[in-house]
Amino acid sequence: MRVTIEVDDELFERVARILGGRSKREVVHRALEAVSKQERAVHLARIRGDDLVLNEVPRRRFEGGELLAAEGLGPYEVDGS
């Protein structure tokens, strides 16, 4: 499907850094897949009768091109472990 949309540049760049992707098309595709998977998980949990509460997972974030540790996580280290 072809579609033309306006997307906030900063939001798109944040999502691109989080999800990766070499092209705009790939970033949008990965974002749609991520939302779809999350919704399926919630749906399946409800079918099983689980009282599912999704909390935001602490993740490392980029700010100004620099990788920062999320609150509650240690410093980012690149040592292969």
PDB file of N, CA and C in Angstrom:
ATOM      1  N   MET A   1       0.846  -1.163   0.000  1.00  0.00           N
ATOM      2  CA  MET A   1       0.000   0.000   0.000  1.00  0.00           C
ATOM      3  C   MET A   1       0.898   1.236   0.000  1.00  0.00           C
ATOM      4  N   ARG A   2       0.578   2.180  -0.824  1.00  0.00           N
ATOM      5  CA  ARG A   2       1.304   3.453  -0.838  1.00  0.00           C
ATOM      6  C   ARG A   2       0.490   4.480  -0.088  1.00  0.00           C
ATOM      7  N   VAL A   3       1.198   5.298   0.695  1.00  0.00           N
ATOM      8  CA  VAL A   3       0.518   6.328   1.462  1.00  0.00           C
ATOM      9  C   VAL A   3       1.487   7.498   1.654  1.00  0.00           C
ATOM     10  N   THR A   4       0.934   8.692   1.686  1.00  0.00           N
ATOM     11  CA  THR A   4       1.723   9.880   1.954  1.00  0.00           C
ATOM     12  C   THR A   4       1.238  10.460   3.271  1.00  0.00           C
ATOM     13  N   ILE A   5       2.171  10.635   4.223  1.00  0.00           N
ATOM     14  CA  ILE A   5       1.794  11.162   5.531  1.00  0.00           C
ATOM     15  C   ILE A   5       2.818  12.196   5.984  1.00  0.00           C
ATOM     16  N   GLU A   6       2.405  13.068   6.895  1.00  0.00           N
ATOM     17  CA  GLU A   6       3.327  14.003   7.531  1.00  0.00           C
ATOM     18  C   GLU A   6       3.652  13.441   8.910  1.00  0.00           C
ATOM     19  N   VAL A   7       4.942  13.348   9.220  1.00  0.00           N
ATOM     20  CA  VAL A   7       5.392  12.793  10.491  1.00  0.00           C
ATOM     21  C   VAL A   7       6.353  13.798  11.131  1.00  0.00           C
ATOM     22  N   ASP A   8       6.216  13.995  12.434  1.00  0.00           N
ATOM     23  CA  ASP A   8       7.111  14.867  13.173  1.00  0.00           C
ATOM     24  C   ASP A   8       8.537  14.347  13.039  1.00  0.00           C
ATOM     25  N   ASP A   9       9.454  15.202  12.614  1.00  0.00           N
ATOM     26  CA  ASP A   9      10.845  14.791  12.360  1.00  0.00           C
ATOM     27  C   ASP A   9      11.520  14.235  13.608  1.00  0.00           C
ATOM     28  N   GLU A  10      11.366  14.923  14.750  1.00  0.00           N
ATOM     29  CA  GLU A  10      12.015  14.472  15.977  1.00  0.00           C
ATOM     30  C   GLU A  10      11.463  13.126  16.431  1.00  0.00           C
ATOM     31  N   LEU A  11      10.150  12.955  16.351  1.00  0.00           N
ATOM     32  CA  LEU A  11       9.532  11.678  16.723  1.00  0.00           C
ATOM     33  C   LEU A  11      10.042  10.566  15.820  1.00  0.00           C
ATOM     34  N   PHE A  12      10.097  10.823  14.528  1.00  0.00           N
ATOM     35  CA  PHE A  12      10.569   9.811  13.591  1.00  0.00           C
ATOM     36  C   PHE A  12      12.012   9.427  13.890  1.00  0.00           C
ATOM     37  N   GLU A  13      12.869  10.410  14.165  1.00  0.00           N
ATOM     38  CA  GLU A  13      14.271  10.118  14.456  1.00  0.00           C
ATOM     39  C   GLU A  13      14.414   9.298  15.732  1.00  0.00           C
ATOM     40  N   ARG A  14      13.613   9.611  16.769  1.00  0.00           N
ATOM     41  CA  ARG A  14      13.659   8.825  18.009  1.00  0.00           C
ATOM     42  C   ARG A  14      13.272   7.379  17.739  1.00  0.00           C
ATOM     43  N   VAL A  15      12.187   7.189  17.001  1.00  0.00           N
ATOM     44  CA  VAL A  15      11.720   5.835  16.693  1.00  0.00           C
ATOM     45  C   VAL A  15      12.751   5.106  15.831  1.00  0.00           C
ATOM     46  N   ALA A  16      13.347   5.796  14.894  1.00  0.00           N
ATOM     47  CA  ALA A  16      14.360   5.180  14.028  1.00  0.00           C
ATOM     48  C   ALA A  16      15.550   4.702  14.841  1.00  0.00           C
ATOM     49  N   ARG A  17      15.984   5.488  15.847  1.00  0.00           N
ATOM     50  CA  ARG A  17      17.110   5.069  16.681  1.00  0.00           C
ATOM     51  C   ARG A  17      16.739   3.872  17.548  1.00  0.00           C
ATOM     52  N   ILE A  18      15.508   3.844  18.040  1.00  0.00           N
ATOM     53  CA  ILE A  18      15.073   2.750  18.904  1.00  0.00           C
ATOM     54  C   ILE A  18      14.903   1.460  18.110  1.00  0.00           C
ATOM     55  N   LEU A  19      14.212   1.542  16.977  1.00  0.00           N
ATOM     56  CA  LEU A  19      13.882   0.339  16.212  1.00  0.00           C
ATOM     57  C   LEU A  19      14.918  -0.023  15.161  1.00  0.00           C
ATOM     58  N   GLY A  20      15.765   0.900  14.817  1.00  0.00           N
ATOM     59  CA  GLY A  20      16.717   0.644  13.747  1.00  0.00           C
ATOM     60  C   GLY A  20      16.026   0.739  12.402  1.00  0.00           C
ATOM     61  N   GLY A  21      16.737   0.469  11.387  1.00  0.00           N
ATOM     62  CA  GLY A  21      16.172   0.536  10.045  1.00  0.00           C
ATOM     63  C   GLY A  21      17.026   1.410   9.161  1.00  0.00           C
ATOM     64  N   ARG A  22      17.164   0.989   7.937  1.00  0.00           N
ATOM     65  CA  ARG A  22      18.015   1.721   7.001  1.00  0.00           C
ATOM     66  C   ARG A  22      17.240   2.712   6.152  1.00  0.00           C
ATOM     67  N   SER A  23      15.937   2.570   6.108  1.00  0.00           N
ATOM     68  CA  SER A  23      15.128   3.468   5.281  1.00  0.00           C
ATOM     69  C   SER A  23      13.889   3.896   6.054  1.00  0.00           C
ATOM     70  N   LYS A  24      13.250   4.951   5.567  1.00  0.00           N
ATOM     71  CA  LYS A  24      12.008   5.407   6.195  1.00  0.00           C
ATOM     72  C   LYS A  24      10.963   4.302   6.136  1.00  0.00           C
ATOM     73  N   ARG A  25      10.900   3.633   5.006  1.00  0.00           N
ATOM     74  CA  ARG A  25       9.934   2.550   4.841  1.00  0.00           C
ATOM     75  C   ARG A  25      10.141   1.463   5.894  1.00  0.00           C
ATOM     76  N   GLU A  26      11.408   1.095   6.120  1.00  0.00           N
ATOM     77  CA  GLU A  26      11.717   0.043   7.085  1.00  0.00           C
ATOM     78  C   GLU A  26      11.381   0.476   8.518  1.00  0.00           C
ATOM     79  N   VAL A  27      11.648   1.736   8.850  1.00  0.00           N
ATOM     80  CA  VAL A  27      11.331   2.237  10.189  1.00  0.00           C
ATOM     81  C   VAL A  27       9.825   2.204  10.420  1.00  0.00           C
ATOM     82  N   VAL A  28       9.049   2.670   9.454  1.00  0.00           N
ATOM     83  CA  VAL A  28       7.590   2.663   9.595  1.00  0.00           C
ATOM     84  C   VAL A  28       7.083   1.228   9.704  1.00  0.00           C
ATOM     85  N   HIS A  29       7.618   0.338   8.889  1.00  0.00           N
ATOM     86  CA  HIS A  29       7.201  -1.070   8.933  1.00  0.00           C
ATOM     87  C   HIS A  29       7.493  -1.677  10.309  1.00  0.00           C
ATOM     88  N   ARG A  30       8.699  -1.425  10.849  1.00  0.00           N
ATOM     89  CA  ARG A  30       9.053  -1.961  12.167  1.00  0.00           C
ATOM     90  C   ARG A  30       8.167  -1.384  13.266  1.00  0.00           C
ATOM     91  N   ALA A  31       7.834  -0.106  13.172  1.00  0.00           N
ATOM     92  CA  ALA A  31       6.966   0.513  14.176  1.00  0.00           C
ATOM     93  C   ALA A  31       5.565  -0.106  14.137  1.00  0.00           C
ATOM     94  N   LEU A  32       5.030  -0.317  12.945  1.00  0.00           N
ATOM     95  CA  LEU A  32       3.712  -0.950  12.822  1.00  0.00           C
ATOM     96  C   LEU A  32       3.734  -2.376  13.351  1.00  0.00           C
ATOM     97  N   GLU A  33       4.806  -3.106  13.073  1.00  0.00           N
ATOM     98  CA  GLU A  33       4.939  -4.477  13.581  1.00  0.00           C
ATOM     99  C   GLU A  33       4.995  -4.483  15.113  1.00  0.00           C
ATOM    100  N   ALA A  34       5.734  -3.539  15.706  1.00  0.00           N
ATOM    101  CA  ALA A  34       5.856  -3.478  17.161  1.00  0.00           C
ATOM    102  C   ALA A  34       4.506  -3.222  17.816  1.00  0.00           C
ATOM    103  N   VAL A  35       3.729  -2.295  17.269  1.00  0.00           N
ATOM    104  CA  VAL A  35       2.402  -2.003  17.821  1.00  0.00           C
ATOM    105  C   VAL A  35       1.498  -3.214  17.671  1.00  0.00           C
ATOM    106  N   SER A  36       1.553  -3.866  16.523  1.00  0.00           N
ATOM    107  CA  SER A  36       0.725  -5.041  16.283  1.00  0.00           C
ATOM    108  C   SER A  36       1.050  -6.168  17.259  1.00  0.00           C
ATOM    109  N   LYS A  37       2.335  -6.423  17.491  1.00  0.00           N
ATOM    110  CA  LYS A  37       2.737  -7.476  18.427  1.00  0.00           C
ATOM    111  C   LYS A  37       2.290  -7.168  19.851  1.00  0.00           C
ATOM    112  N   GLN A  38       2.406  -5.908  20.252  1.00  0.00           N
ATOM    113  CA  GLN A  38       1.980  -5.529  21.599  1.00  0.00           C
ATOM    114  C   GLN A  38       0.473  -5.732  21.761  1.00  0.00           C
ATOM    115  N   GLU A  39      -0.295  -5.331  20.789  1.00  0.00           N
ATOM    116  CA  GLU A  39      -1.749  -5.495  20.864  1.00  0.00           C
ATOM    117  C   GLU A  39      -2.149  -6.968  20.876  1.00  0.00           C
ATOM    118  N   ARG A  40      -1.453  -7.806  20.097  1.00  0.00           N
ATOM    119  CA  ARG A  40      -1.735  -9.249  20.124  1.00  0.00           C
ATOM    120  C   ARG A  40      -1.455  -9.828  21.496  1.00  0.00           C
ATOM    121  N   ALA A  41      -0.361  -9.402  22.119  1.00  0.00           N
ATOM    122  CA  ALA A  41      -0.014  -9.899  23.450  1.00  0.00           C
ATOM    123  C   ALA A  41      -1.081  -9.514  24.466  1.00  0.00           C
ATOM    124  N   VAL A  42      -1.555  -8.293  24.400  1.00  0.00           N
ATOM    125  CA  VAL A  42      -2.611  -7.842  25.311  1.00  0.00           C
ATOM    126  C   VAL A  42      -3.887  -8.644  25.071  1.00  0.00           C
ATOM    127  N   HIS A  43      -4.237  -8.844  23.808  1.00  0.00           N
ATOM    128  CA  HIS A  43      -5.440  -9.596  23.457  1.00  0.00           C
ATOM    129  C   HIS A  43      -5.366 -11.036  23.974  1.00  0.00           C
ATOM    130  N   LEU A  44      -4.217 -11.694  23.758  1.00  0.00           N
ATOM    131  CA  LEU A  44      -4.064 -13.077  24.216  1.00  0.00           C
ATOM    132  C   LEU A  44      -4.106 -13.158  25.742  1.00  0.00           C
ATOM    133  N   ALA A  45      -3.535 -12.188  26.406  1.00  0.00           N
ATOM    134  CA  ALA A  45      -3.567 -12.176  27.869  1.00  0.00           C
ATOM    135  C   ALA A  45      -5.003 -12.045  28.370  1.00  0.00           C
ATOM    136  N   ARG A  46      -5.784 -11.218  27.702  1.00  0.00           N
ATOM    137  CA  ARG A  46      -7.191 -11.055  28.103  1.00  0.00           C
ATOM    138  C   ARG A  46      -7.982 -12.333  27.867  1.00  0.00           C
ATOM    139  N   ILE A  47      -7.697 -13.017  26.770  1.00  0.00           N
ATOM    140  CA  ILE A  47      -8.383 -14.281  26.480  1.00  0.00           C
ATOM    141  C   ILE A  47      -8.076 -15.302  27.575  1.00  0.00           C
ATOM    142  N   ARG A  48      -6.812 -15.338  28.028  1.00  0.00           N
ATOM    143  CA  ARG A  48      -6.421 -16.268  29.095  1.00  0.00           C
ATOM    144  C   ARG A  48      -6.947 -15.840  30.449  1.00  0.00           C
ATOM    145  N   GLY A  49      -7.426 -14.615  30.552  1.00  0.00           N
ATOM    146  CA  GLY A  49      -7.935 -14.126  31.816  1.00  0.00           C
ATOM    147  C   GLY A  49      -6.880 -13.491  32.690  1.00  0.00           C
ATOM    148  N   ASP A  50      -5.715 -13.238  32.114  1.00  0.00           N
ATOM    149  CA  ASP A  50      -4.660 -12.579  32.880  1.00  0.00           C
ATOM    150  C   ASP A  50      -5.030 -11.126  33.124  1.00  0.00           C
ATOM    151  N   ASP A  51      -4.666 -10.637  34.285  1.00  0.00           N
ATOM    152  CA  ASP A  51      -4.835  -9.220  34.589  1.00  0.00           C
ATOM    153  C   ASP A  51      -3.531  -8.541  34.199  1.00  0.00           C
ATOM    154  N   LEU A  52      -3.385  -8.279  32.918  1.00  0.00           N
ATOM    155  CA  LEU A  52      -2.136  -7.782  32.379  1.00  0.00           C
ATOM    156  C   LEU A  52      -2.036  -6.271  32.542  1.00  0.00           C
ATOM    157  N   VAL A  53      -0.946  -5.852  33.153  1.00  0.00           N
ATOM    158  CA  VAL A  53      -0.644  -4.438  33.266  1.00  0.00           C
ATOM    159  C   VAL A  53       0.705  -4.234  32.597  1.00  0.00           C
ATOM    160  N   LEU A  54       0.705  -3.476  31.528  1.00  0.00           N
ATOM    161  CA  LEU A  54       1.943  -3.233  30.803  1.00  0.00           C
ATOM    162  C   LEU A  54       2.596  -1.971  31.343  1.00  0.00           C
ATOM    163  N   ASN A  55       3.750  -2.140  31.945  1.00  0.00           N
ATOM    164  CA  ASN A  55       4.527  -1.001  32.421  1.00  0.00           C
ATOM    165  C   ASN A  55       5.590  -0.684  31.387  1.00  0.00           C
ATOM    166  N   GLU A  56       5.964   0.564  31.318  1.00  0.00           N
ATOM    167  CA  GLU A  56       7.012   0.932  30.380  1.00  0.00           C
ATOM    168  C   GLU A  56       8.319   0.298  30.837  1.00  0.00           C
ATOM    169  N   VAL A  57       8.991  -0.338  29.924  1.00  0.00           N
ATOM    170  CA  VAL A  57      10.256  -1.003  30.211  1.00  0.00           C
ATOM    171  C   VAL A  57      11.370   0.039  30.161  1.00  0.00           C
ATOM    172  N   PRO A  58      12.237   0.084  31.182  1.00  0.00           N
ATOM    173  CA  PRO A  58      13.336   1.049  31.117  1.00  0.00           C
ATOM    174  C   PRO A  58      14.264   0.690  29.963  1.00  0.00           C
ATOM    175  N   ARG A  59      14.567   1.656  29.147  1.00  0.00           N
ATOM    176  CA  ARG A  59      15.432   1.428  27.993  1.00  0.00           C
ATOM    177  C   ARG A  59      16.492   2.500  27.951  1.00  0.00           C
ATOM    178  N   ARG A  60      17.558   2.177  27.308  1.00  0.00           N
ATOM    179  CA  ARG A  60      18.601   3.178  27.098  1.00  0.00           C
ATOM    180  C   ARG A  60      18.113   4.116  26.009  1.00  0.00           C
ATOM    181  N   ARG A  61      18.353   5.394  26.175  1.00  0.00           N
ATOM    182  CA  ARG A  61      17.841   6.405  25.255  1.00  0.00           C
ATOM    183  C   ARG A  61      18.983   7.200  24.637  1.00  0.00           C
ATOM    184  N   PHE A  62      18.707   7.762  23.475  1.00  0.00           N
ATOM    185  CA  PHE A  62      19.640   8.654  22.814  1.00  0.00           C
ATOM    186  C   PHE A  62      19.218  10.086  23.110  1.00  0.00           C
ATOM    187  N   GLU A  63      20.191  10.927  23.350  1.00  0.00           N
ATOM    188  CA  GLU A  63      19.910  12.347  23.521  1.00  0.00           C
ATOM    189  C   GLU A  63      21.058  13.112  22.895  1.00  0.00           C
ATOM    190  N   GLY A  64      20.755  13.874  21.894  1.00  0.00           N
ATOM    191  CA  GLY A  64      21.809  14.629  21.223  1.00  0.00           C
ATOM    192  C   GLY A  64      22.856  13.732  20.598  1.00  0.00           C
ATOM    193  N   GLY A  65      22.452  12.555  20.134  1.00  0.00           N
ATOM    194  CA  GLY A  65      23.375  11.623  19.510  1.00  0.00           C
ATOM    195  C   GLY A  65      24.187  10.799  20.490  1.00  0.00           C
ATOM    196  N   GLU A  66      23.936  10.978  21.802  1.00  0.00           N
ATOM    197  CA  GLU A  66      24.688  10.256  22.821  1.00  0.00           C
ATOM    198  C   GLU A  66      23.786   9.236  23.498  1.00  0.00           C
ATOM    199  N   LEU A  67      24.286   8.032  23.689  1.00  0.00           N
ATOM    200  CA  LEU A  67      23.513   6.975  24.321  1.00  0.00           C
ATOM    201  C   LEU A  67      23.532   7.164  25.829  1.00  0.00           C
ATOM    202  N   LEU A  68      22.356   7.258  26.435  1.00  0.00           N
ATOM    203  CA  LEU A  68      22.235   7.462  27.874  1.00  0.00           C
ATOM    204  C   LEU A  68      21.566   6.251  28.500  1.00  0.00           C
ATOM    205  N   ALA A  69      21.922   5.944  29.740  1.00  0.00           N
ATOM    206  CA  ALA A  69      21.279   4.856  30.469  1.00  0.00           C
ATOM    207  C   ALA A  69      19.939   5.351  30.993  1.00  0.00           C
ATOM    208  N   ALA A  70      18.930   4.505  30.931  1.00  0.00           N
ATOM    209  CA  ALA A  70      17.624   4.841  31.487  1.00  0.00           C
ATOM    210  C   ALA A  70      17.701   4.782  33.003  1.00  0.00           C
ATOM    211  N   GLU A  71      16.764   5.448  33.656  1.00  0.00           N
ATOM    212  CA  GLU A  71      16.728   5.442  35.115  1.00  0.00           C
ATOM    213  C   GLU A  71      16.629   4.000  35.606  1.00  0.00           C
ATOM    214  N   GLY A  72      17.450   3.647  36.559  1.00  0.00           N
ATOM    215  CA  GLY A  72      17.426   2.304  37.109  1.00  0.00           C
ATOM    216  C   GLY A  72      18.365   1.340  36.412  1.00  0.00           C
ATOM    217  N   LEU A  73      18.995   1.767  35.321  1.00  0.00           N
ATOM    218  CA  LEU A  73      19.952   0.923  34.618  1.00  0.00           C
ATOM    219  C   LEU A  73      21.350   1.482  34.819  1.00  0.00           C
ATOM    220  N   GLY A  74      22.311   0.609  34.784  1.00  0.00           N
ATOM    221  CA  GLY A  74      23.698   1.044  34.940  1.00  0.00           C
ATOM    222  C   GLY A  74      24.191   1.755  33.696  1.00  0.00           C
ATOM    223  N   PRO A  75      25.435   2.252  33.746  1.00  0.00           N
ATOM    224  CA  PRO A  75      25.981   2.960  32.593  1.00  0.00           C
ATOM    225  C   PRO A  75      26.141   2.028  31.412  1.00  0.00           C
ATOM    226  N   TYR A  76      26.050   2.594  30.236  1.00  0.00           N
ATOM    227  CA  TYR A  76      26.198   1.821  29.013  1.00  0.00           C
ATOM    228  C   TYR A  76      27.670   1.493  28.827  1.00  0.00           C
ATOM    229  N   GLU A  77      27.953   0.222  28.642  1.00  0.00           N
ATOM    230  CA  GLU A  77      29.321  -0.203  28.435  1.00  0.00           C
ATOM    231  C   GLU A  77      29.416  -1.006  27.148  1.00  0.00           C
ATOM    232  N   VAL A  78      30.451  -0.787  26.391  1.00  0.00           N
ATOM    233  CA  VAL A  78      30.677  -1.544  25.165  1.00  0.00           C
ATOM    234  C   VAL A  78      31.908  -2.397  25.386  1.00  0.00           C
ATOM    235  N   ASP A  79      31.676  -3.593  25.950  1.00  0.00           N
ATOM    236  CA  ASP A  79      32.807  -4.488  26.204  1.00  0.00           C
ATOM    237  C   ASP A  79      32.489  -5.906  25.738  1.00  0.00           C
ATOM    238  N   GLY A  80      31.385  -6.039  24.982  1.00  0.00           N
ATOM    239  CA  GLY A  80      31.031  -7.354  24.468  1.00  0.00           C
ATOM    240  C   GLY A  80      30.190  -8.165  25.413  1.00  0.00           C
ATOM    241  N   SER A  81      29.887  -7.664  26.604  1.00  0.00           N
ATOM    242  CA  SER A  81      29.078  -8.437  27.546  1.00  0.00           C
ATOM    243  C   SER A  81      27.729  -7.808  27.734  1.00  0.00           C
TER     244      SER A  81
END
